[in-house]
C-alpha cells in the first residue's frame, strides 16, 4: 500500500490532496496516514509472529497523540 501518491502533478494522502490540507491548515503542516501506520504495524507484527517479541513504540520518536493512540489501539 502507498498512502501517499502523485496524481496529475498533485500529491495526495489517502485520497486527499495535500494542497487542500495546506490551504486549510497552513504550512508547515505534518500529515500522517493512519492506514500507512496500521499497515506497517501489521506487516511488522506478522514478521515477528511466533517469536517471543513485544512491539513497543517510543513516544520520544513522535509524541503526536493521534499517532500514539493508533499504536496503542493496535
PDB file of N, CA and C in Angstrom:
ATOM      1  N   UNK A   1       0.837  -1.173   0.000  1.00  0.00           N
ATOM      2  CA  UNK A   1       0.000   0.000   0.000  1.00  0.00           C
ATOM      3  C   UNK A   1       0.887   1.242   0.000  1.00  0.00           C
ATOM      4  N   UNK A   2       0.472   2.224  -0.741  1.00  0.00           N
ATOM      5  CA  UNK A   2       1.163   3.504  -0.726  1.00  0.00           C
ATOM      6  C   UNK A   2       0.114   4.576  -0.435  1.00  0.00           C
ATOM      7  N   UNK A   3       0.090   5.049   0.792  1.00  0.00           N
ATOM      8  CA  UNK A   3      -0.924   6.022   1.211  1.00  0.00           C
ATOM      9  C   UNK A   3      -0.686   7.392   0.590  1.00  0.00           C
ATOM     10  N   UNK A   4       0.546   7.658   0.182  1.00  0.00           N
ATOM     11  CA  UNK A   4       0.889   8.936  -0.439  1.00  0.00           C
ATOM     12  C   UNK A   4       1.221   8.669  -1.901  1.00  0.00           C
ATOM     13  N   UNK A   5       0.525   9.357  -2.794  1.00  0.00           N
ATOM     14  CA  UNK A   5       0.817   9.163  -4.208  1.00  0.00           C
ATOM     15  C   UNK A   5       0.574  10.441  -5.000  1.00  0.00           C
ATOM     16  N   UNK A   6       1.172  10.457  -6.170  1.00  0.00           N
ATOM     17  CA  UNK A   6       1.100  11.610  -7.061  1.00  0.00           C
ATOM     18  C   UNK A   6       0.044  11.357  -8.124  1.00  0.00           C
ATOM     19  N   UNK A   7      -0.868  12.323  -8.288  1.00  0.00           N
ATOM     20  CA  UNK A   7      -1.912  12.236  -9.313  1.00  0.00           C
ATOM     21  C   UNK A   7      -1.990  13.572 -10.038  1.00  0.00           C
ATOM     22  N   UNK A   8      -1.776  13.528 -11.313  1.00  0.00           N
ATOM     23  CA  UNK A   8      -1.859  14.742 -12.136  1.00  0.00           C
ATOM     24  C   UNK A   8      -1.047  15.892 -11.547  1.00  0.00           C
ATOM     25  N   UNK A   9       0.140  15.567 -11.074  1.00  0.00           N
ATOM     26  CA  UNK A   9       1.033  16.597 -10.545  1.00  0.00           C
ATOM     27  C   UNK A   9       0.718  17.052  -9.127  1.00  0.00           C
ATOM     28  N   UNK A  10      -0.260  16.423  -8.479  1.00  0.00           N
ATOM     29  CA  UNK A  10      -0.626  16.772  -7.096  1.00  0.00           C
ATOM     30  C   UNK A  10      -0.333  15.595  -6.186  1.00  0.00           C
ATOM     31  N   UNK A  11       0.228  15.882  -5.022  1.00  0.00           N
ATOM     32  CA  UNK A  11       0.485  14.841  -4.039  1.00  0.00           C
ATOM     33  C   UNK A  11      -0.755  14.642  -3.178  1.00  0.00           C
ATOM     34  N   UNK A  12      -1.142  13.383  -3.020  1.00  0.00           N
ATOM     35  CA  UNK A  12      -2.321  13.013  -2.242  1.00  0.00           C
ATOM     36  C   UNK A  12      -1.914  12.140  -1.063  1.00  0.00           C
ATOM     37  N   UNK A  13      -2.654  12.279   0.013  1.00  0.00           N
ATOM     38  CA  UNK A  13      -2.533  11.393   1.171  1.00  0.00           C
ATOM     39  C   UNK A  13      -3.904  10.793   1.411  1.00  0.00           C
ATOM     40  N   UNK A  14      -4.012   9.485   1.223  1.00  0.00           N
ATOM     41  CA  UNK A  14      -5.297   8.806   1.403  1.00  0.00           C
ATOM     42  C   UNK A  14      -6.445   9.530   0.696  1.00  0.00           C
ATOM     43  N   UNK A  15      -6.266   9.810  -0.551  1.00  0.00           N
ATOM     44  CA  UNK A  15      -7.285  10.426  -1.414  1.00  0.00           C
ATOM     45  C   UNK A  15      -7.620  11.873  -1.072  1.00  0.00           C
ATOM     46  N   UNK A  16      -6.762  12.533  -0.307  1.00  0.00           N
ATOM     47  CA  UNK A  16      -6.942  13.959  -0.019  1.00  0.00           C
ATOM     48  C   UNK A  16      -5.724  14.694  -0.566  1.00  0.00           C
ATOM     49  N   UNK A  17      -5.966  15.693  -1.387  1.00  0.00           N
ATOM     50  CA  UNK A  17      -4.860  16.480  -1.944  1.00  0.00           C
ATOM     51  C   UNK A  17      -4.169  17.250  -0.824  1.00  0.00           C
ATOM     52  N   UNK A  18      -2.855  17.131  -0.761  1.00  0.00           N
ATOM     53  CA  UNK A  18      -2.118  17.849   0.276  1.00  0.00           C
ATOM     54  C   UNK A  18      -2.245  19.362   0.107  1.00  0.00           C
ATOM     55  N   UNK A  19      -2.504  19.818  -1.099  1.00  0.00           N
ATOM     56  CA  UNK A  19      -2.719  21.253  -1.305  1.00  0.00           C
ATOM     57  C   UNK A  19      -3.975  21.720  -0.569  1.00  0.00           C
ATOM     58  N   UNK A  20      -4.997  20.880  -0.491  1.00  0.00           N
ATOM     59  CA  UNK A  20      -6.212  21.220   0.265  1.00  0.00           C
ATOM     60  C   UNK A  20      -5.915  21.319   1.758  1.00  0.00           C
ATOM     61  N   UNK A  21      -5.095  20.414   2.247  1.00  0.00           N
ATOM     62  CA  UNK A  21      -4.713  20.446   3.659  1.00  0.00           C
ATOM     63  C   UNK A  21      -3.907  21.705   3.952  1.00  0.00           C
ATOM     64  N   UNK A  22      -2.979  22.031   3.062  1.00  0.00           N
ATOM     65  CA  UNK A  22      -2.159  23.235   3.239  1.00  0.00           C
ATOM     66  C   UNK A  22      -3.014  24.496   3.202  1.00  0.00           C
ATOM     67  N   UNK A  23      -3.983  24.527   2.300  1.00  0.00           N
ATOM     68  CA  UNK A  23      -4.882  25.692   2.227  1.00  0.00           C
ATOM     69  C   UNK A  23      -5.695  25.850   3.514  1.00  0.00           C
ATOM     70  N   UNK A  24      -6.124  24.739   4.075  1.00  0.00           N
ATOM     71  CA  UNK A  24      -6.982  24.790   5.264  1.00  0.00           C
ATOM     72  C   UNK A  24      -6.201  25.062   6.550  1.00  0.00           C
ATOM     73  N   UNK A  25      -5.023  24.402   6.689  1.00  0.00           N
ATOM     74  CA  UNK A  25      -4.294  24.472   7.952  1.00  0.00           C
ATOM     75  C   UNK A  25      -3.006  25.284   7.885  1.00  0.00           C
ATOM     76  N   UNK A  26      -2.597  25.656   6.686  1.00  0.00           N
ATOM     77  CA  UNK A  26      -1.352  26.392   6.518  1.00  0.00           C
ATOM     78  C   UNK A  26      -0.150  25.464   6.487  1.00  0.00           C
ATOM     79  N   UNK A  27       1.003  26.083   6.297  1.00  0.00           N
ATOM     80  CA  UNK A  27       2.246  25.313   6.271  1.00  0.00           C
ATOM     81  C   UNK A  27       3.250  25.985   7.193  1.00  0.00           C
ATOM     82  N   UNK A  28       4.166  25.251   7.763  1.00  0.00           N
ATOM     83  CA  UNK A  28       4.320  23.801   7.607  1.00  0.00           C
ATOM     84  C   UNK A  28       3.211  23.054   8.340  1.00  0.00           C
ATOM     85  N   UNK A  29       2.933  21.871   7.849  1.00  0.00           N
ATOM     86  CA  UNK A  29       1.877  21.038   8.414  1.00  0.00           C
ATOM     87  C   UNK A  29       2.331  19.588   8.320  1.00  0.00           C
ATOM     88  N   UNK A  30       2.260  18.870   9.417  1.00  0.00           N
ATOM     89  CA  UNK A  30       2.611  17.447   9.414  1.00  0.00           C
ATOM     90  C   UNK A  30       1.377  16.644   9.051  1.00  0.00           C
ATOM     91  N   UNK A  31       1.518  15.749   8.080  1.00  0.00           N
ATOM     92  CA  UNK A  31       0.401  14.926   7.624  1.00  0.00           C
ATOM     93  C   UNK A  31       0.806  13.462   7.787  1.00  0.00           C
ATOM     94  N   UNK A  32      -0.004  12.722   8.519  1.00  0.00           N
ATOM     95  CA  UNK A  32       0.239  11.309   8.742  1.00  0.00           C
ATOM     96  C   UNK A  32      -0.866  10.505   8.089  1.00  0.00           C
ATOM     97  N   UNK A  33      -0.549   9.297   7.690  1.00  0.00           N
ATOM     98  CA  UNK A  33      -1.539   8.391   7.133  1.00  0.00           C
ATOM     99  C   UNK A  33      -1.807   7.295   8.149  1.00  0.00           C
ATOM    100  N   UNK A  34      -3.022   7.299   8.700  1.00  0.00           N
ATOM    101  CA  UNK A  34      -3.372   6.254   9.655  1.00  0.00           C
ATOM    102  C   UNK A  34      -3.292   4.889   8.999  1.00  0.00           C
ATOM    103  N   UNK A  35      -3.774   4.769   7.771  1.00  0.00           N
ATOM    104  CA  UNK A  35      -3.740   3.467   7.091  1.00  0.00           C
ATOM    105  C   UNK A  35      -2.305   2.995   6.871  1.00  0.00           C
ATOM    106  N   UNK A  36      -1.389   3.915   6.591  1.00  0.00           N
ATOM    107  CA  UNK A  36       0.020   3.526   6.425  1.00  0.00           C
ATOM    108  C   UNK A  36       0.617   3.070   7.754  1.00  0.00           C
ATOM    109  N   UNK A  37       0.274   3.762   8.844  1.00  0.00           N
ATOM    110  CA  UNK A  37       0.765   3.351  10.163  1.00  0.00           C
ATOM    111  C   UNK A  37       0.243   1.960  10.518  1.00  0.00           C
ATOM    112  N   UNK A  38      -1.044   1.733  10.304  1.00  0.00           N
ATOM    113  CA  UNK A  38      -1.659   0.452  10.636  1.00  0.00           C
ATOM    114  C   UNK A  38      -1.065  -0.662   9.783  1.00  0.00           C
ATOM    115  N   UNK A  39      -0.963  -0.433   8.486  1.00  0.00           N
ATOM    116  CA  UNK A  39      -0.441  -1.464   7.581  1.00  0.00           C
ATOM    117  C   UNK A  39       1.002  -1.803   7.908  1.00  0.00           C
ATOM    118  N   UNK A  40       1.814  -0.803   8.197  1.00  0.00           N
ATOM    119  CA  UNK A  40       3.216  -1.050   8.545  1.00  0.00           C
ATOM    120  C   UNK A  40       3.321  -1.822   9.855  1.00  0.00           C
ATOM    121  N   UNK A  41       2.515  -1.441  10.836  1.00  0.00           N
ATOM    122  CA  UNK A  41       2.494  -2.168  12.109  1.00  0.00           C
ATOM    123  C   UNK A  41       2.125  -3.629  11.885  1.00  0.00           C
ATOM    124  N   UNK A  42       1.067  -3.866  11.132  1.00  0.00           N
ATOM    125  CA  UNK A  42       0.606  -5.233  10.898  1.00  0.00           C
ATOM    126  C   UNK A  42       1.642  -6.063  10.142  1.00  0.00           C
ATOM    127  N   UNK A  43       2.331  -5.441   9.196  1.00  0.00           N
ATOM    128  CA  UNK A  43       3.394  -6.135   8.466  1.00  0.00           C
ATOM    129  C   UNK A  43       4.501  -6.553   9.421  1.00  0.00           C
ATOM    130  N   UNK A  44       4.896  -5.643  10.309  1.00  0.00           N
ATOM    131  CA  UNK A  44       5.933  -5.955  11.284  1.00  0.00           C
ATOM    132  C   UNK A  44       5.451  -7.028  12.254  1.00  0.00           C
ATOM    133  N   UNK A  45       4.213  -6.920  12.712  1.00  0.00           N
ATOM    134  CA  UNK A  45       3.659  -7.906  13.647  1.00  0.00           C
ATOM    135  C   UNK A  45       3.646  -9.299  13.021  1.00  0.00           C
ATOM    136  N   UNK A  46       3.305  -9.387  11.738  1.00  0.00           N
ATOM    137  CA  UNK A  46       3.330 -10.688  11.053  1.00  0.00           C
ATOM    138  C   UNK A  46       4.750 -11.227  10.966  1.00  0.00           C
ATOM    139  N   UNK A  47       5.719 -10.335  10.784  1.00  0.00           N
ATOM    140  CA  UNK A  47       7.119 -10.765  10.657  1.00  0.00           C
ATOM    141  C   UNK A  47       7.652 -11.360  11.953  1.00  0.00           C
ATOM    142  N   UNK A  48       7.159 -10.896  13.094  1.00  0.00           N
ATOM    143  CA  UNK A  48       7.652 -11.412  14.376  1.00  0.00           C
ATOM    144  C   UNK A  48       6.680 -12.406  15.009  1.00  0.00           C
ATOM    145  N   UNK A  49       5.622 -12.759  14.289  1.00  0.00           N
ATOM    146  CA  UNK A  49       4.644 -13.705  14.806  1.00  0.00           C
ATOM    147  C   UNK A  49       5.332 -15.023  15.150  1.00  0.00           C
ATOM    148  N   UNK A  50       5.028 -15.543  16.330  1.00  0.00           N
ATOM    149  CA  UNK A  50       5.630 -16.799  16.761  1.00  0.00           C
ATOM    150  C   UNK A  50       6.932 -16.624  17.513  1.00  0.00           C
ATOM    151  N   UNK A  51       7.467 -15.434  17.503  1.00  0.00           N
ATOM    152  CA  UNK A  51       8.683 -15.142  18.251  1.00  0.00           C
ATOM    153  C   UNK A  51       8.288 -14.575  19.612  1.00  0.00           C
ATOM    154  N   UNK A  52       9.193 -14.648  20.534  1.00  0.00           N
ATOM    155  CA  UNK A  52       8.955 -14.047  21.847  1.00  0.00           C
ATOM    156  C   UNK A  52       9.270 -12.556  21.727  1.00  0.00           C
ATOM    157  N   UNK A  53       8.336 -11.796  21.140  1.00  0.00           N
ATOM    158  CA  UNK A  53       8.590 -10.387  20.845  1.00  0.00           C
ATOM    159  C   UNK A  53       7.446  -9.522  21.351  1.00  0.00           C
ATOM    160  N   UNK A  54       7.802  -8.356  21.834  1.00  0.00           N
ATOM    161  CA  UNK A  54       6.828  -7.348  22.221  1.00  0.00           C
ATOM    162  C   UNK A  54       7.099  -6.120  21.366  1.00  0.00           C
ATOM    163  N   UNK A  55       6.078  -5.630  20.702  1.00  0.00           N
ATOM    164  CA  UNK A  55       6.236  -4.430  19.878  1.00  0.00           C
ATOM    165  C   UNK A  55       5.959  -3.221  20.753  1.00  0.00           C
ATOM    166  N   UNK A  56       6.923  -2.316  20.807  1.00  0.00           N
ATOM    167  CA  UNK A  56       6.810  -1.108  21.624  1.00  0.00           C
ATOM    168  C   UNK A  56       7.004   0.120  20.738  1.00  0.00           C
ATOM    169  N   UNK A  57       6.447   1.216  21.169  1.00  0.00           N
ATOM    170  CA  UNK A  57       6.589   2.479  20.439  1.00  0.00           C
ATOM    171  C   UNK A  57       7.189   3.521  21.372  1.00  0.00           C
ATOM    172  N   UNK A  58       8.240   4.176  20.920  1.00  0.00           N
ATOM    173  CA  UNK A  58       8.890   5.210  21.724  1.00  0.00           C
ATOM    174  C   UNK A  58       8.211   6.550  21.477  1.00  0.00           C
ATOM    175  N   UNK A  59       7.506   7.029  22.475  1.00  0.00           N
ATOM    176  CA  UNK A  59       6.813   8.311  22.354  1.00  0.00           C
ATOM    177  C   UNK A  59       7.806   9.425  22.033  1.00  0.00           C
ATOM    178  N   UNK A  60       9.044   9.267  22.477  1.00  0.00           N
ATOM    179  CA  UNK A  60      10.080  10.259  22.171  1.00  0.00           C
ATOM    180  C   UNK A  60      10.283  10.385  20.652  1.00  0.00           C
ATOM    181  N   UNK A  61      10.005   9.313  19.911  1.00  0.00           N
ATOM    182  CA  UNK A  61      10.160   9.339  18.457  1.00  0.00           C
ATOM    183  C   UNK A  61       9.133  10.259  17.809  1.00  0.00           C
ATOM    184  N   UNK A  62       7.920  10.275  18.370  1.00  0.00           N
ATOM    185  CA  UNK A  62       6.854  11.114  17.846  1.00  0.00           C
ATOM    186  C   UNK A  62       5.739  11.131  18.886  1.00  0.00           C
ATOM    187  N   UNK A  63       5.555  12.241  19.538  1.00  0.00           N
ATOM    188  CA  UNK A  63       4.567  12.344  20.598  1.00  0.00           C
ATOM    189  C   UNK A  63       3.185  12.758  20.137  1.00  0.00           C
ATOM    190  N   UNK A  64       2.940  12.773  18.835  1.00  0.00           N
ATOM    191  CA  UNK A  64       1.624  13.134  18.314  1.00  0.00           C
ATOM    192  C   UNK A  64       0.591  12.178  18.903  1.00  0.00           C
ATOM    193  N   UNK A  65      -0.397  12.726  19.600  1.00  0.00           N
ATOM    194  CA  UNK A  65      -1.360  11.884  20.312  1.00  0.00           C
ATOM    195  C   UNK A  65      -2.163  10.973  19.386  1.00  0.00           C
ATOM    196  N   UNK A  66      -2.453  11.424  18.190  1.00  0.00           N
ATOM    197  CA  UNK A  66      -3.189  10.575  17.252  1.00  0.00           C
ATOM    198  C   UNK A  66      -2.341   9.380  16.825  1.00  0.00           C
ATOM    199  N   UNK A  67      -1.052   9.607  16.607  1.00  0.00           N
ATOM    200  CA  UNK A  67      -0.135   8.519  16.245  1.00  0.00           C
ATOM    201  C   UNK A  67       0.000   7.555  17.421  1.00  0.00           C
ATOM    202  N   UNK A  68       0.236   8.096  18.606  1.00  0.00           N
ATOM    203  CA  UNK A  68       0.389   7.265  19.809  1.00  0.00           C
ATOM    204  C   UNK A  68      -0.880   6.453  20.050  1.00  0.00           C
ATOM    205  N   UNK A  69      -2.047   7.081  19.916  1.00  0.00           N
ATOM    206  CA  UNK A  69      -3.303   6.382  20.123  1.00  0.00           C
ATOM    207  C   UNK A  69      -3.510   5.279  19.093  1.00  0.00           C
ATOM    208  N   UNK A  70      -3.138   5.517  17.864  1.00  0.00           N
ATOM    209  CA  UNK A  70      -3.255   4.494  16.823  1.00  0.00           C
ATOM    210  C   UNK A  70      -2.451   3.257  17.204  1.00  0.00           C
ATOM    211  N   UNK A  71      -1.199   3.459  17.612  1.00  0.00           N
ATOM    212  CA  UNK A  71      -0.369   2.326  18.003  1.00  0.00           C
ATOM    213  C   UNK A  71      -0.868   1.683  19.286  1.00  0.00           C
ATOM    214  N   UNK A  72      -1.377   2.465  20.223  1.00  0.00           N
ATOM    215  CA  UNK A  72      -1.908   1.917  21.475  1.00  0.00           C
ATOM    216  C   UNK A  72      -3.092   0.993  21.173  1.00  0.00           C
ATOM    217  N   UNK A  73      -3.935   1.376  20.237  1.00  0.00           N
ATOM    218  CA  UNK A  73      -5.083   0.538  19.877  1.00  0.00           C
ATOM    219  C   UNK A  73      -4.661  -0.756  19.202  1.00  0.00           C
ATOM    220  N   UNK A  74      -3.553  -0.681  18.474  1.00  0.00           N
ATOM    221  CA  UNK A  74      -3.063  -1.887  17.785  1.00  0.00           C
ATOM    222  C   UNK A  74      -2.437  -2.837  18.772  1.00  0.00           C
TER     223      UNK A  74
END
